[in-house]
Amino acid sequence: MSAQLSETNHTLTLSGVVDFNNANALYEQGLRWLKGSSSQALTLDLSALEQSNSLTLAIILQWIRHLAPQQRLILRNTPLKLADIMQASNLKEVLIS
């Protein structure tokens, strides 16, 4: 199984399945996109994510840690399972807008 990131304007779309084989590459690619963007509002679209897990959440949290002070990452189309993981971690209100 694989996952990929695709970039369109101020939106990054995560698709497929995040696992230990592709997590670091996805993290690095997403980080380059975030650091290369001057936009204050960036969107992460999760509608094409086939499976979600705590590893996916860990990558998202790392991306958020690297945002510039004026930037904000907006999650869209968060899968139910990932939203449940966020809720169990007391992060849902922080991450989902």
C-alpha atoms as a PDB file:
ATOM      1  CA  MET A   1       0.000   0.000   0.000  1.00  0.00           C
ATOM      2  CA  SER A   2       1.191   3.492  -0.647  1.00  0.00           C
ATOM      3  CA  ALA A   3       0.353   7.077   0.059  1.00  0.00           C
ATOM      4  CA  GLN A   4       1.073  10.286  -1.752  1.00  0.00           C
ATOM      5  CA  LEU A   5       0.769  14.017  -1.413  1.00  0.00           C
ATOM      6  CA  SER A   6      -0.417  16.250  -4.205  1.00  0.00           C
ATOM      7  CA  GLU A   7      -0.223  20.024  -4.155  1.00  0.00           C
ATOM      8  CA  THR A   8      -2.708  22.462  -5.652  1.00  0.00           C
ATOM      9  CA  ASN A   9      -2.371  26.138  -4.792  1.00  0.00           C
ATOM     10  CA  HIS A  10      -2.855  26.367  -1.024  1.00  0.00           C
ATOM     11  CA  THR A  11      -4.158  22.794  -0.636  1.00  0.00           C
ATOM     12  CA  LEU A  12      -2.202  19.644   0.068  1.00  0.00           C
ATOM     13  CA  THR A  13      -4.103  16.409  -0.534  1.00  0.00           C
ATOM     14  CA  LEU A  14      -3.049  13.256   1.299  1.00  0.00           C
ATOM     15  CA  SER A  15      -4.186  10.045  -0.372  1.00  0.00           C
ATOM     16  CA  GLY A  16      -3.707   6.334   0.089  1.00  0.00           C
ATOM     17  CA  VAL A  17      -2.466   4.651   3.257  1.00  0.00           C
ATOM     18  CA  VAL A  18       0.178   6.122   5.566  1.00  0.00           C
ATOM     19  CA  ASP A  19       2.448   3.434   7.011  1.00  0.00           C
ATOM     20  CA  PHE A  20       5.957   3.100   8.418  1.00  0.00           C
ATOM     21  CA  ASN A  21       7.387   2.563   4.925  1.00  0.00           C
ATOM     22  CA  ASN A  22       6.230   5.926   3.566  1.00  0.00           C
ATOM     23  CA  ALA A  23       5.721   8.110   6.647  1.00  0.00           C
ATOM     24  CA  ASN A  24       9.105   9.833   6.611  1.00  0.00           C
ATOM     25  CA  ALA A  25       8.953  10.645   2.905  1.00  0.00           C
ATOM     26  CA  LEU A  26       5.413  12.038   3.296  1.00  0.00           C
ATOM     27  CA  TYR A  27       6.476  14.091   6.294  1.00  0.00           C
ATOM     28  CA  GLU A  28       9.467  15.563   4.415  1.00  0.00           C
ATOM     29  CA  GLN A  29       7.421  16.333   1.297  1.00  0.00           C
ATOM     30  CA  GLY A  30       4.687  18.013   3.318  1.00  0.00           C
ATOM     31  CA  LEU A  31       7.235  19.983   5.319  1.00  0.00           C
ATOM     32  CA  ARG A  32       8.826  21.329   2.111  1.00  0.00           C
ATOM     33  CA  TRP A  33       5.374  22.427   0.923  1.00  0.00           C
ATOM     34  CA  LEU A  34       4.572  24.149   4.218  1.00  0.00           C
ATOM     35  CA  LYS A  35       7.911  25.937   4.410  1.00  0.00           C
ATOM     36  CA  GLY A  36       7.675  26.993   0.780  1.00  0.00           C
ATOM     37  CA  SER A  37       4.260  28.556   1.174  1.00  0.00           C
ATOM     38  CA  SER A  38       3.753  32.179   2.115  1.00  0.00           C
ATOM     39  CA  SER A  39       0.005  31.729   2.556  1.00  0.00           C
ATOM     40  CA  GLN A  40      -1.416  32.204   6.035  1.00  0.00           C
ATOM     41  CA  ALA A  41      -4.202  29.644   5.558  1.00  0.00           C
ATOM     42  CA  LEU A  42      -3.105  26.256   4.253  1.00  0.00           C
ATOM     43  CA  THR A  43      -5.511  23.376   3.721  1.00  0.00           C
ATOM     44  CA  LEU A  44      -4.844  19.681   4.189  1.00  0.00           C
ATOM     45  CA  ASP A  45      -7.492  17.663   2.346  1.00  0.00           C
ATOM     46  CA  LEU A  46      -7.877  14.138   3.711  1.00  0.00           C
ATOM     47  CA  SER A  47     -10.763  13.022   1.482  1.00  0.00           C
ATOM     48  CA  ALA A  48      -8.570  10.589  -0.487  1.00  0.00           C
ATOM     49  CA  LEU A  49      -7.057   8.941   2.596  1.00  0.00           C
ATOM     50  CA  GLU A  50      -7.925   5.226   2.395  1.00  0.00           C
ATOM     51  CA  GLN A  51      -6.990   4.395   5.989  1.00  0.00           C
ATOM     52  CA  SER A  52      -6.134   6.581   8.919  1.00  0.00           C
ATOM     53  CA  ASN A  53      -4.101   5.782  11.975  1.00  0.00           C
ATOM     54  CA  SER A  54      -2.071   7.371  14.754  1.00  0.00           C
ATOM     55  CA  LEU A  55       0.933   7.624  12.442  1.00  0.00           C
ATOM     56  CA  THR A  56      -1.099   9.900  10.173  1.00  0.00           C
ATOM     57  CA  LEU A  57      -1.955  12.048  13.187  1.00  0.00           C
ATOM     58  CA  ALA A  58       1.701  12.183  14.252  1.00  0.00           C
ATOM     59  CA  ILE A  59       2.735  13.506  10.837  1.00  0.00           C
ATOM     60  CA  ILE A  60       0.002  16.162  10.901  1.00  0.00           C
ATOM     61  CA  LEU A  61       1.075  17.264  14.379  1.00  0.00           C
ATOM     62  CA  GLN A  62       4.698  17.548  13.247  1.00  0.00           C
ATOM     63  CA  TRP A  63       3.638  19.687  10.288  1.00  0.00           C
ATOM     64  CA  ILE A  64       1.700  21.967  12.632  1.00  0.00           C
ATOM     65  CA  ARG A  65       4.765  22.349  14.851  1.00  0.00           C
ATOM     66  CA  HIS A  66       6.701  23.698  11.872  1.00  0.00           C
ATOM     67  CA  LEU A  67       4.175  26.296  10.730  1.00  0.00           C
ATOM     68  CA  ALA A  68       5.290  29.913  10.735  1.00  0.00           C
ATOM     69  CA  PRO A  69       3.639  31.935  13.539  1.00  0.00           C
ATOM     70  CA  GLN A  70       1.171  33.569  11.129  1.00  0.00           C
ATOM     71  CA  GLN A  71       0.230  30.306   9.378  1.00  0.00           C
ATOM     72  CA  ARG A  72      -2.656  27.958  10.071  1.00  0.00           C
ATOM     73  CA  LEU A  73      -3.257  24.428   8.786  1.00  0.00           C
ATOM     74  CA  ILE A  74      -6.925  23.696   8.116  1.00  0.00           C
ATOM     75  CA  LEU A  75      -7.966  20.037   7.979  1.00  0.00           C
ATOM     76  CA  ARG A  76     -10.739  19.177   5.538  1.00  0.00           C
ATOM     77  CA  ASN A  77     -12.660  15.947   4.989  1.00  0.00           C
ATOM     78  CA  THR A  78     -11.163  14.258   8.034  1.00  0.00           C
ATOM     79  CA  PRO A  79     -12.051  10.535   8.030  1.00  0.00           C
ATOM     80  CA  LEU A  80     -14.140   9.326  10.960  1.00  0.00           C
ATOM     81  CA  LYS A  81     -11.437   7.001  12.287  1.00  0.00           C
ATOM     82  CA  LEU A  82      -8.864   9.812  12.325  1.00  0.00           C
ATOM     83  CA  ALA A  83     -11.380  12.141  13.999  1.00  0.00           C
ATOM     84  CA  ASP A  84     -11.946   9.429  16.634  1.00  0.00           C
ATOM     85  CA  ILE A  85      -8.187   9.183  17.263  1.00  0.00           C
ATOM     86  CA  MET A  86      -8.068  12.975  17.621  1.00  0.00           C
ATOM     87  CA  GLN A  87     -11.013  12.889  20.019  1.00  0.00           C
ATOM     88  CA  ALA A  88      -9.407  10.156  22.145  1.00  0.00           C
ATOM     89  CA  SER A  89      -6.210  12.235  22.245  1.00  0.00           C
ATOM     90  CA  ASN A  90      -8.108  15.400  23.219  1.00  0.00           C
ATOM     91  CA  LEU A  91      -6.954  17.040  19.983  1.00  0.00           C
ATOM     92  CA  LYS A  92     -10.152  17.186  17.947  1.00  0.00           C
ATOM     93  CA  GLU A  93     -11.098  20.773  18.870  1.00  0.00           C
ATOM     94  CA  VAL A  94      -7.525  21.911  18.295  1.00  0.00           C
ATOM     95  CA  LEU A  95      -7.102  20.274  14.890  1.00  0.00           C
ATOM     96  CA  ILE A  96     -10.491  20.289  13.168  1.00  0.00           C
ATOM     97  CA  SER A  97     -11.879  23.647  12.210  1.00  0.00           C
END
